[in-house]
C-alpha cells in the first residue's frame, strides 16, 4: 500500500477523477500542493494516472465507498478536502426516462454524494475541520429542459449542501457547491438517452440539441472549472456557491434579478424551444 509521508500538506479526496472535471481538479489540486487521491470505478490496485494515485470506488455501493474512504484515509493520514464529483447525465424529455433509469441517476448523483460525505464527515470531525465541495451545475438553480432528471439531481445537491453547511460549521467544516455551465467534457457525449423514447418530442429535442452544441462549443474547459475548485478549496472564508466561468456568473445574475416570465422567454429562445 502506498503511503504519503509529507508532513503539513493539505490532503484531498476526489471522486470521479478518471476524466473531465474530476481529473482536472485532482491534477490542479496536486499542483496547488495537495496530496491527492482520486477515485474511479475501474481503478486498478496501485494505479497512478496523470500523477494522481487512483483507487477503486463505486459511489452507488455502500461497501465500495466504505472501503475507498478507509483506504484513502489510511494512505493520506487525514482528509482535509472532499470533492464530490462522480456523476453523469441523462438526456431527453422527462417522460422518456423510466423510473428505473431515474432511480439509477439519483443513486449516483445524489445518494453517491451522501454516501461518500457520510463516510468522510466523522474523520473531519475527529480531526477538527475540513471542507466539502460538491460539484453542482448552473442547472441546479435554473430550469434544464431535456435534462430534467439531471437538473433535479443538481437542485437536490444545492439544497443538501446548503443545509449540511449549517449542521457542520460548529465542527470547523464548511460545504460549498461548484456551479459550472457548459463545460467541454465527455459527459454530454456519454450521456444515455431516455430509455423509452416518445416521438412527440423528437423535433423540439433536435432543436435543443443543436442550440446546446453551440453553447458547448463556447463552453469552459475542465481546467477552468478546476481553477474554481482550487479557489473554493483555498478560500479563507468560503462562499456557499461558486459559479464557474463568465457564462455561469451571468446566468446566476439574471436568474436572480429578471422577472420569471422574462427569464423563461430568454431561456426558451436560447435553447430554440420557443
C-alpha atoms as a PDB file:
ATOM      1  CA  UNK A   1       0.000   0.000   0.000  1.00  0.00           C
ATOM      2  CA  UNK A   2       1.357   3.422  -0.982  1.00  0.00           C
ATOM      3  CA  UNK A   3       1.654   5.992   1.788  1.00  0.00           C
ATOM      4  CA  UNK A   4       2.364   9.703   1.843  1.00  0.00           C
ATOM      5  CA  UNK A   5       4.953  10.892   4.331  1.00  0.00           C
ATOM      6  CA  UNK A   6       4.929  14.634   3.594  1.00  0.00           C
ATOM      7  CA  UNK A   7       4.059  16.457   6.799  1.00  0.00           C
ATOM      8  CA  UNK A   8       1.852  19.510   6.931  1.00  0.00           C
ATOM      9  CA  UNK A   9       0.440  19.273   3.414  1.00  0.00           C
ATOM     10  CA  UNK A  10      -3.295  19.517   2.863  1.00  0.00           C
ATOM     11  CA  UNK A  11      -4.933  16.367   1.563  1.00  0.00           C
ATOM     12  CA  UNK A  12      -7.754  15.879  -0.922  1.00  0.00           C
ATOM     13  CA  UNK A  13     -10.073  13.033  -1.899  1.00  0.00           C
ATOM     14  CA  UNK A  14     -11.720  13.466  -5.327  1.00  0.00           C
ATOM     15  CA  UNK A  15     -14.437  11.146  -6.621  1.00  0.00           C
ATOM     16  CA  UNK A  16     -14.891  10.537 -10.335  1.00  0.00           C
ATOM     17  CA  UNK A  17     -11.304  11.575 -11.077  1.00  0.00           C
ATOM     18  CA  UNK A  18     -10.698   9.462 -14.163  1.00  0.00           C
ATOM     19  CA  UNK A  19     -11.775  12.132 -16.664  1.00  0.00           C
ATOM     20  CA  UNK A  20     -13.356  15.547 -17.137  1.00  0.00           C
ATOM     21  CA  UNK A  21     -13.750  17.928 -14.233  1.00  0.00           C
ATOM     22  CA  UNK A  22     -12.715  15.345 -11.641  1.00  0.00           C
ATOM     23  CA  UNK A  23      -9.440  14.565 -13.379  1.00  0.00           C
ATOM     24  CA  UNK A  24      -8.673  18.252 -13.949  1.00  0.00           C
ATOM     25  CA  UNK A  25      -9.491  19.035 -10.310  1.00  0.00           C
ATOM     26  CA  UNK A  26      -7.234  16.279  -8.986  1.00  0.00           C
ATOM     27  CA  UNK A  27      -4.330  17.483 -11.121  1.00  0.00           C
ATOM     28  CA  UNK A  28      -4.914  21.153 -10.237  1.00  0.00           C
ATOM     29  CA  UNK A  29      -5.112  20.387  -6.513  1.00  0.00           C
ATOM     30  CA  UNK A  30      -1.897  18.372  -6.731  1.00  0.00           C
ATOM     31  CA  UNK A  31      -0.164  21.288  -8.445  1.00  0.00           C
ATOM     32  CA  UNK A  32      -1.522  23.575  -5.722  1.00  0.00           C
ATOM     33  CA  UNK A  33       0.296  21.485  -3.122  1.00  0.00           C
ATOM     34  CA  UNK A  34      -2.359  18.991  -2.012  1.00  0.00           C
ATOM     35  CA  UNK A  35      -1.695  15.301  -1.549  1.00  0.00           C
ATOM     36  CA  UNK A  36      -4.477  13.875  -3.698  1.00  0.00           C
ATOM     37  CA  UNK A  37      -6.204  10.537  -4.047  1.00  0.00           C
ATOM     38  CA  UNK A  38      -8.783  10.179  -6.811  1.00  0.00           C
ATOM     39  CA  UNK A  39     -11.370   7.514  -7.452  1.00  0.00           C
ATOM     40  CA  UNK A  40     -12.596   5.631 -10.468  1.00  0.00           C
ATOM     41  CA  UNK A  41     -14.966   2.705 -10.657  1.00  0.00           C
ATOM     42  CA  UNK A  42     -12.362   0.674 -12.564  1.00  0.00           C
ATOM     43  CA  UNK A  43      -9.102   1.769 -10.954  1.00  0.00           C
ATOM     44  CA  UNK A  44      -6.530  -0.999 -10.626  1.00  0.00           C
ATOM     45  CA  UNK A  45      -4.590  -1.676  -7.399  1.00  0.00           C
ATOM     46  CA  UNK A  46      -1.631   0.694  -7.184  1.00  0.00           C
ATOM     47  CA  UNK A  47      -2.752   2.693 -10.225  1.00  0.00           C
ATOM     48  CA  UNK A  48      -1.315   6.157 -10.799  1.00  0.00           C
ATOM     49  CA  UNK A  49      -2.909   8.222 -13.560  1.00  0.00           C
ATOM     50  CA  UNK A  50      -1.552  11.623 -14.621  1.00  0.00           C
ATOM     51  CA  UNK A  51       0.437  11.680 -11.411  1.00  0.00           C
ATOM     52  CA  UNK A  52      -2.647  11.041  -9.250  1.00  0.00           C
ATOM     53  CA  UNK A  53      -2.980   7.990  -7.022  1.00  0.00           C
ATOM     54  CA  UNK A  54      -6.231   6.289  -8.041  1.00  0.00           C
ATOM     55  CA  UNK A  55      -8.346   3.855  -6.039  1.00  0.00           C
ATOM     56  CA  UNK A  56     -11.499   1.986  -6.980  1.00  0.00           C
ATOM     57  CA  UNK A  57     -14.828   3.348  -5.773  1.00  0.00           C
ATOM     58  CA  UNK A  58     -18.384   2.825  -6.948  1.00  0.00           C
ATOM     59  CA  UNK A  59     -20.407   5.567  -5.255  1.00  0.00           C
ATOM     60  CA  UNK A  60     -23.609   3.534  -5.646  1.00  0.00           C
ATOM     61  CA  UNK A  61     -22.218   0.808  -3.366  1.00  0.00           C
ATOM     62  CA  UNK A  62     -22.111   1.298   0.403  1.00  0.00           C
ATOM     63  CA  UNK A  63     -19.349  -1.279   0.773  1.00  0.00           C
ATOM     64  CA  UNK A  64     -17.240   0.229  -2.010  1.00  0.00           C
ATOM     65  CA  UNK A  65     -17.497   3.722  -0.515  1.00  0.00           C
ATOM     66  CA  UNK A  66     -16.608   2.497   2.983  1.00  0.00           C
ATOM     67  CA  UNK A  67     -13.564   0.652   1.650  1.00  0.00           C
ATOM     68  CA  UNK A  68     -12.393   3.533  -0.550  1.00  0.00           C
ATOM     69  CA  UNK A  69     -12.653   6.182   2.165  1.00  0.00           C
ATOM     70  CA  UNK A  70     -10.887   3.906   4.660  1.00  0.00           C
ATOM     71  CA  UNK A  71      -8.057   3.267   2.188  1.00  0.00           C
ATOM     72  CA  UNK A  72      -7.718   6.957   1.313  1.00  0.00           C
ATOM     73  CA  UNK A  73      -7.637   7.914   4.981  1.00  0.00           C
ATOM     74  CA  UNK A  74      -5.057   5.235   5.749  1.00  0.00           C
ATOM     75  CA  UNK A  75      -2.789   6.449   2.965  1.00  0.00           C
ATOM     76  CA  UNK A  76      -3.259  10.182   3.464  1.00  0.00           C
ATOM     77  CA  UNK A  77      -3.490  10.211   7.252  1.00  0.00           C
ATOM     78  CA  UNK A  78      -6.338  12.732   7.117  1.00  0.00           C
ATOM     79  CA  UNK A  79      -8.830  14.119   4.584  1.00  0.00           C
ATOM     80  CA  UNK A  80      -8.869  17.907   4.556  1.00  0.00           C
ATOM     81  CA  UNK A  81     -10.853  18.292   1.328  1.00  0.00           C
ATOM     82  CA  UNK A  82     -13.552  16.141  -0.241  1.00  0.00           C
ATOM     83  CA  UNK A  83     -14.562  16.889  -3.829  1.00  0.00           C
ATOM     84  CA  UNK A  84     -17.782  15.039  -4.703  1.00  0.00           C
ATOM     85  CA  UNK A  85     -17.596  14.953  -8.481  1.00  0.00           C
ATOM     86  CA  UNK A  86     -18.754  11.494  -9.580  1.00  0.00           C
ATOM     87  CA  UNK A  87     -21.911  11.719 -11.659  1.00  0.00           C
ATOM     88  CA  UNK A  88     -23.486  11.531 -15.092  1.00  0.00           C
ATOM     89  CA  UNK A  89     -26.396  12.920 -17.103  1.00  0.00           C
ATOM     90  CA  UNK A  90     -29.426  11.534 -18.907  1.00  0.00           C
ATOM     91  CA  UNK A  91     -30.713  13.449 -21.919  1.00  0.00           C
ATOM     92  CA  UNK A  92     -34.148  13.641 -23.453  1.00  0.00           C
ATOM     93  CA  UNK A  93     -37.594  14.649 -22.293  1.00  0.00           C
ATOM     94  CA  UNK A  94     -38.553  13.741 -18.734  1.00  0.00           C
ATOM     95  CA  UNK A  95     -41.299  11.429 -19.956  1.00  0.00           C
ATOM     96  CA  UNK A  96     -38.754   9.410 -21.904  1.00  0.00           C
ATOM     97  CA  UNK A  97     -36.995   8.018 -18.823  1.00  0.00           C
ATOM     98  CA  UNK A  98     -38.316   5.039 -16.894  1.00  0.00           C
ATOM     99  CA  UNK A  99     -38.453   5.066 -13.112  1.00  0.00           C
ATOM    100  CA  UNK A 100     -35.561   2.595 -13.107  1.00  0.00           C
ATOM    101  CA  UNK A 101     -33.407   4.946 -15.172  1.00  0.00           C
ATOM    102  CA  UNK A 102     -34.239   7.915 -12.948  1.00  0.00           C
ATOM    103  CA  UNK A 103     -33.580   5.890  -9.805  1.00  0.00           C
ATOM    104  CA  UNK A 104     -30.128   4.900 -11.081  1.00  0.00           C
ATOM    105  CA  UNK A 105     -29.308   8.530 -11.888  1.00  0.00           C
ATOM    106  CA  UNK A 106     -30.282   9.723  -8.411  1.00  0.00           C
ATOM    107  CA  UNK A 107     -28.388   6.824  -6.849  1.00  0.00           C
ATOM    108  CA  UNK A 108     -25.163   8.128  -8.383  1.00  0.00           C
ATOM    109  CA  UNK A 109     -25.636  11.885  -8.467  1.00  0.00           C
ATOM    110  CA  UNK A 110     -27.358  12.394  -5.110  1.00  0.00           C
ATOM    111  CA  UNK A 111     -27.067   9.292  -2.939  1.00  0.00           C
ATOM    112  CA  UNK A 112     -23.482   8.841  -4.102  1.00  0.00           C
ATOM    113  CA  UNK A 113     -22.652  12.258  -2.662  1.00  0.00           C
ATOM    114  CA  UNK A 114     -24.447  11.364   0.562  1.00  0.00           C
ATOM    115  CA  UNK A 115     -22.638   8.022   0.889  1.00  0.00           C
ATOM    116  CA  UNK A 116     -19.168   9.485   0.471  1.00  0.00           C
ATOM    117  CA  UNK A 117     -19.902  12.514   2.638  1.00  0.00           C
ATOM    118  CA  UNK A 118     -21.289  10.334   5.434  1.00  0.00           C
ATOM    119  CA  UNK A 119     -18.050   8.344   5.482  1.00  0.00           C
ATOM    120  CA  UNK A 120     -15.781  11.391   5.417  1.00  0.00           C
ATOM    121  CA  UNK A 121     -17.603  13.568   7.962  1.00  0.00           C
ATOM    122  CA  UNK A 122     -16.635  11.522  11.054  1.00  0.00           C
ATOM    123  CA  UNK A 123     -12.992  11.797  10.001  1.00  0.00           C
ATOM    124  CA  UNK A 124     -13.266  15.552   9.535  1.00  0.00           C
ATOM    125  CA  UNK A 125     -14.994  15.976  12.883  1.00  0.00           C
ATOM    126  CA  UNK A 126     -12.286  13.937  14.589  1.00  0.00           C
ATOM    127  CA  UNK A 127      -9.501  15.991  13.020  1.00  0.00           C
ATOM    128  CA  UNK A 128     -11.249  19.261  13.832  1.00  0.00           C
ATOM    129  CA  UNK A 129     -12.128  20.605  10.404  1.00  0.00           C
ATOM    130  CA  UNK A 130     -12.373  20.091   6.678  1.00  0.00           C
ATOM    131  CA  UNK A 131     -14.032  21.280   3.509  1.00  0.00           C
ATOM    132  CA  UNK A 132     -16.521  19.574   1.209  1.00  0.00           C
ATOM    133  CA  UNK A 133     -17.014  20.775  -2.360  1.00  0.00           C
ATOM    134  CA  UNK A 134     -19.955  19.300  -4.228  1.00  0.00           C
ATOM    135  CA  UNK A 135     -19.920  19.625  -7.999  1.00  0.00           C
ATOM    136  CA  UNK A 136     -23.302  21.019  -8.904  1.00  0.00           C
ATOM    137  CA  UNK A 137     -24.302  22.899 -12.026  1.00  0.00           C
ATOM    138  CA  UNK A 138     -25.956  26.097 -13.128  1.00  0.00           C
ATOM    139  CA  UNK A 139     -28.948  23.869 -13.915  1.00  0.00           C
ATOM    140  CA  UNK A 140     -29.164  23.354 -10.171  1.00  0.00           C
ATOM    141  CA  UNK A 141     -30.651  26.840  -9.965  1.00  0.00           C
ATOM    142  CA  UNK A 142     -32.282  27.259 -13.391  1.00  0.00           C
ATOM    143  CA  UNK A 143     -34.553  25.002 -15.481  1.00  0.00           C
ATOM    144  CA  UNK A 144     -32.807  22.354 -17.573  1.00  0.00           C
ATOM    145  CA  UNK A 145     -35.223  21.208 -20.278  1.00  0.00           C
ATOM    146  CA  UNK A 146     -34.372  17.904 -21.941  1.00  0.00           C
ATOM    147  CA  UNK A 147     -32.158  17.101 -18.997  1.00  0.00           C
ATOM    148  CA  UNK A 148     -34.915  17.263 -16.431  1.00  0.00           C
ATOM    149  CA  UNK A 149     -33.834  14.455 -14.152  1.00  0.00           C
ATOM    150  CA  UNK A 150     -30.172  15.510 -14.206  1.00  0.00           C
ATOM    151  CA  UNK A 151     -31.387  19.015 -13.367  1.00  0.00           C
ATOM    152  CA  UNK A 152     -33.398  17.593 -10.471  1.00  0.00           C
ATOM    153  CA  UNK A 153     -30.292  15.875  -9.074  1.00  0.00           C
ATOM    154  CA  UNK A 154     -28.374  19.145  -9.177  1.00  0.00           C
ATOM    155  CA  UNK A 155     -31.234  21.010  -7.470  1.00  0.00           C
ATOM    156  CA  UNK A 156     -31.072  18.322  -4.789  1.00  0.00           C
ATOM    157  CA  UNK A 157     -27.327  18.891  -4.361  1.00  0.00           C
ATOM    158  CA  UNK A 158     -27.953  22.607  -3.873  1.00  0.00           C
ATOM    159  CA  UNK A 159     -30.429  22.015  -1.039  1.00  0.00           C
ATOM    160  CA  UNK A 160     -28.383  19.231   0.531  1.00  0.00           C
ATOM    161  CA  UNK A 161     -25.190  21.316   0.517  1.00  0.00           C
ATOM    162  CA  UNK A 162     -26.747  24.463   1.931  1.00  0.00           C
ATOM    163  CA  UNK A 163     -28.471  22.571   4.730  1.00  0.00           C
ATOM    164  CA  UNK A 164     -25.410  20.449   5.533  1.00  0.00           C
ATOM    165  CA  UNK A 165     -23.200  23.521   5.751  1.00  0.00           C
ATOM    166  CA  UNK A 166     -25.260  24.805   8.691  1.00  0.00           C
ATOM    167  CA  UNK A 167     -25.008  21.477  10.506  1.00  0.00           C
ATOM    168  CA  UNK A 168     -21.238  21.034  10.259  1.00  0.00           C
ATOM    169  CA  UNK A 169     -19.949  24.568  10.796  1.00  0.00           C
ATOM    170  CA  UNK A 170     -19.604  24.023  14.585  1.00  0.00           C
ATOM    171  CA  UNK A 171     -17.012  21.325  13.786  1.00  0.00           C
ATOM    172  CA  UNK A 172     -14.885  23.590  11.590  1.00  0.00           C
ATOM    173  CA  UNK A 173     -16.234  22.006   8.407  1.00  0.00           C
ATOM    174  CA  UNK A 174     -17.597  24.039   5.502  1.00  0.00           C
ATOM    175  CA  UNK A 175     -19.582  22.943   2.469  1.00  0.00           C
ATOM    176  CA  UNK A 176     -19.778  24.685  -0.911  1.00  0.00           C
ATOM    177  CA  UNK A 177     -21.236  23.994  -4.349  1.00  0.00           C
ATOM    178  CA  UNK A 178     -19.285  24.496  -7.577  1.00  0.00           C
ATOM    179  CA  UNK A 179     -21.646  25.563 -10.387  1.00  0.00           C
ATOM    180  CA  UNK A 180     -20.247  25.116 -13.905  1.00  0.00           C
ATOM    181  CA  UNK A 181     -22.236  25.956 -17.007  1.00  0.00           C
ATOM    182  CA  UNK A 182     -21.485  24.370 -20.398  1.00  0.00           C
ATOM    183  CA  UNK A 183     -18.155  22.589 -19.934  1.00  0.00           C
ATOM    184  CA  UNK A 184     -16.139  20.812 -22.613  1.00  0.00           C
ATOM    185  CA  UNK A 185     -16.078  17.311 -21.162  1.00  0.00           C
ATOM    186  CA  UNK A 186     -17.347  13.946 -22.345  1.00  0.00           C
ATOM    187  CA  UNK A 187     -20.367  13.962 -20.025  1.00  0.00           C
ATOM    188  CA  UNK A 188     -22.817  15.009 -22.739  1.00  0.00           C
ATOM    189  CA  UNK A 189     -21.406  12.617 -25.350  1.00  0.00           C
ATOM    190  CA  UNK A 190     -21.515   9.782 -22.834  1.00  0.00           C
ATOM    191  CA  UNK A 191     -24.984  10.609 -21.526  1.00  0.00           C
ATOM    192  CA  UNK A 192     -27.556   7.914 -22.177  1.00  0.00           C
ATOM    193  CA  UNK A 193     -30.836   8.902 -23.784  1.00  0.00           C
ATOM    194  CA  UNK A 194     -34.145   8.288 -22.132  1.00  0.00           C
ATOM    195  CA  UNK A 195     -34.845   4.564 -22.274  1.00  0.00           C
ATOM    196  CA  UNK A 196     -38.419   4.834 -23.530  1.00  0.00           C
ATOM    197  CA  UNK A 197     -38.430   7.297 -26.476  1.00  0.00           C
ATOM    198  CA  UNK A 198     -41.530   9.364 -27.256  1.00  0.00           C
ATOM    199  CA  UNK A 199     -41.711  10.531 -30.872  1.00  0.00           C
ATOM    200  CA  UNK A 200     -43.737  13.637 -29.989  1.00  0.00           C
ATOM    201  CA  UNK A 201     -40.614  15.285 -28.529  1.00  0.00           C
ATOM    202  CA  UNK A 202     -38.195  14.483 -31.344  1.00  0.00           C
ATOM    203  CA  UNK A 203     -38.340  17.747 -33.306  1.00  0.00           C
ATOM    204  CA  UNK A 204     -38.101  20.005 -30.263  1.00  0.00           C
ATOM    205  CA  UNK A 205     -35.306  17.898 -28.819  1.00  0.00           C
ATOM    206  CA  UNK A 206     -33.354  18.108 -32.076  1.00  0.00           C
ATOM    207  CA  UNK A 207     -33.563  21.905 -31.990  1.00  0.00           C
ATOM    208  CA  UNK A 208     -32.478  21.893 -28.369  1.00  0.00           C
ATOM    209  CA  UNK A 209     -29.509  19.642 -29.149  1.00  0.00           C
ATOM    210  CA  UNK A 210     -28.287  21.989 -31.872  1.00  0.00           C
ATOM    211  CA  UNK A 211     -28.533  25.009 -29.568  1.00  0.00           C
ATOM    212  CA  UNK A 212     -26.820  23.160 -26.728  1.00  0.00           C
ATOM    213  CA  UNK A 213     -23.994  22.035 -29.032  1.00  0.00           C
ATOM    214  CA  UNK A 214     -23.396  25.663 -29.965  1.00  0.00           C
ATOM    215  CA  UNK A 215     -23.232  26.597 -26.283  1.00  0.00           C
ATOM    216  CA  UNK A 216     -20.795  23.753 -25.638  1.00  0.00           C
ATOM    217  CA  UNK A 217     -18.539  24.963 -28.444  1.00  0.00           C
ATOM    218  CA  UNK A 218     -18.051  28.192 -26.492  1.00  0.00           C
ATOM    219  CA  UNK A 219     -18.029  26.469 -23.106  1.00  0.00           C
ATOM    220  CA  UNK A 220     -15.369  26.431 -20.424  1.00  0.00           C
ATOM    221  CA  UNK A 221     -12.693  23.783 -20.199  1.00  0.00           C
ATOM    222  CA  UNK A 222     -12.485  21.299 -17.348  1.00  0.00           C
ATOM    223  CA  UNK A 223      -9.263  23.045 -16.317  1.00  0.00           C
ATOM    224  CA  UNK A 224     -11.118  26.343 -15.901  1.00  0.00           C
ATOM    225  CA  UNK A 225     -13.641  24.665 -13.621  1.00  0.00           C
ATOM    226  CA  UNK A 226     -10.765  23.047 -11.736  1.00  0.00           C
ATOM    227  CA  UNK A 227      -9.340  26.512 -11.078  1.00  0.00           C
ATOM    228  CA  UNK A 228     -12.645  27.441  -9.432  1.00  0.00           C
ATOM    229  CA  UNK A 229     -12.439  24.299  -7.314  1.00  0.00           C
ATOM    230  CA  UNK A 230      -8.934  25.189  -6.131  1.00  0.00           C
ATOM    231  CA  UNK A 231     -10.074  28.738  -5.302  1.00  0.00           C
ATOM    232  CA  UNK A 232     -13.018  27.403  -3.285  1.00  0.00           C
ATOM    233  CA  UNK A 233     -10.757  24.896  -1.519  1.00  0.00           C
ATOM    234  CA  UNK A 234      -8.267  27.578  -0.511  1.00  0.00           C
ATOM    235  CA  UNK A 235     -10.652  30.422   0.341  1.00  0.00           C
ATOM    236  CA  UNK A 236     -10.149  31.585   3.920  1.00  0.00           C
ATOM    237  CA  UNK A 237     -13.866  32.352   4.218  1.00  0.00           C
ATOM    238  CA  UNK A 238     -15.646  30.134   1.689  1.00  0.00           C
ATOM    239  CA  UNK A 239     -18.865  31.121  -0.002  1.00  0.00           C
ATOM    240  CA  UNK A 240     -21.706  28.649  -0.316  1.00  0.00           C
ATOM    241  CA  UNK A 241     -21.854  28.845  -4.124  1.00  0.00           C
ATOM    242  CA  UNK A 242     -19.144  29.243  -6.748  1.00  0.00           C
ATOM    243  CA  UNK A 243     -20.488  29.814 -10.271  1.00  0.00           C
ATOM    244  CA  UNK A 244     -17.621  28.819 -12.563  1.00  0.00           C
ATOM    245  CA  UNK A 245     -16.926  30.974 -15.577  1.00  0.00           C
ATOM    246  CA  UNK A 246     -18.390  34.119 -17.084  1.00  0.00           C
ATOM    247  CA  UNK A 247     -21.475  32.447 -18.576  1.00  0.00           C
ATOM    248  CA  UNK A 248     -22.308  30.784 -15.251  1.00  0.00           C
ATOM    249  CA  UNK A 249     -21.969  34.059 -13.336  1.00  0.00           C
ATOM    250  CA  UNK A 250     -24.127  35.911 -15.878  1.00  0.00           C
ATOM    251  CA  UNK A 251     -26.798  33.199 -15.791  1.00  0.00           C
ATOM    252  CA  UNK A 252     -26.940  33.206 -12.000  1.00  0.00           C
ATOM    253  CA  UNK A 253     -27.215  37.004 -12.009  1.00  0.00           C
ATOM    254  CA  UNK A 254     -30.090  37.196 -14.500  1.00  0.00           C
ATOM    255  CA  UNK A 255     -31.902  34.316 -12.816  1.00  0.00           C
ATOM    256  CA  UNK A 256     -31.813  36.259  -9.566  1.00  0.00           C
ATOM    257  CA  UNK A 257     -32.892  39.656 -10.866  1.00  0.00           C
ATOM    258  CA  UNK A 258     -35.003  39.177 -14.003  1.00  0.00           C
ATOM    259  CA  UNK A 259     -38.753  38.589 -13.737  1.00  0.00           C
ATOM    260  CA  UNK A 260     -39.564  34.913 -14.101  1.00  0.00           C
ATOM    261  CA  UNK A 261     -41.579  35.331 -17.314  1.00  0.00           C
ATOM    262  CA  UNK A 262     -38.767  37.274 -18.999  1.00  0.00           C
ATOM    263  CA  UNK A 263     -36.130  34.793 -17.873  1.00  0.00           C
ATOM    264  CA  UNK A 264     -38.196  31.910 -19.225  1.00  0.00           C
ATOM    265  CA  UNK A 265     -38.584  33.611 -22.618  1.00  0.00           C
ATOM    266  CA  UNK A 266     -34.837  34.166 -22.838  1.00  0.00           C
ATOM    267  CA  UNK A 267     -34.076  30.569 -21.855  1.00  0.00           C
ATOM    268  CA  UNK A 268     -36.527  29.106 -24.361  1.00  0.00           C
ATOM    269  CA  UNK A 269     -35.118  31.299 -27.115  1.00  0.00           C
ATOM    270  CA  UNK A 270     -31.539  30.377 -26.202  1.00  0.00           C
ATOM    271  CA  UNK A 271     -32.354  26.677 -26.437  1.00  0.00           C
ATOM    272  CA  UNK A 272     -34.523  27.163 -29.536  1.00  0.00           C
ATOM    273  CA  UNK A 273     -37.597  25.592 -27.967  1.00  0.00           C
ATOM    274  CA  UNK A 274     -39.826  28.680 -28.055  1.00  0.00           C
END
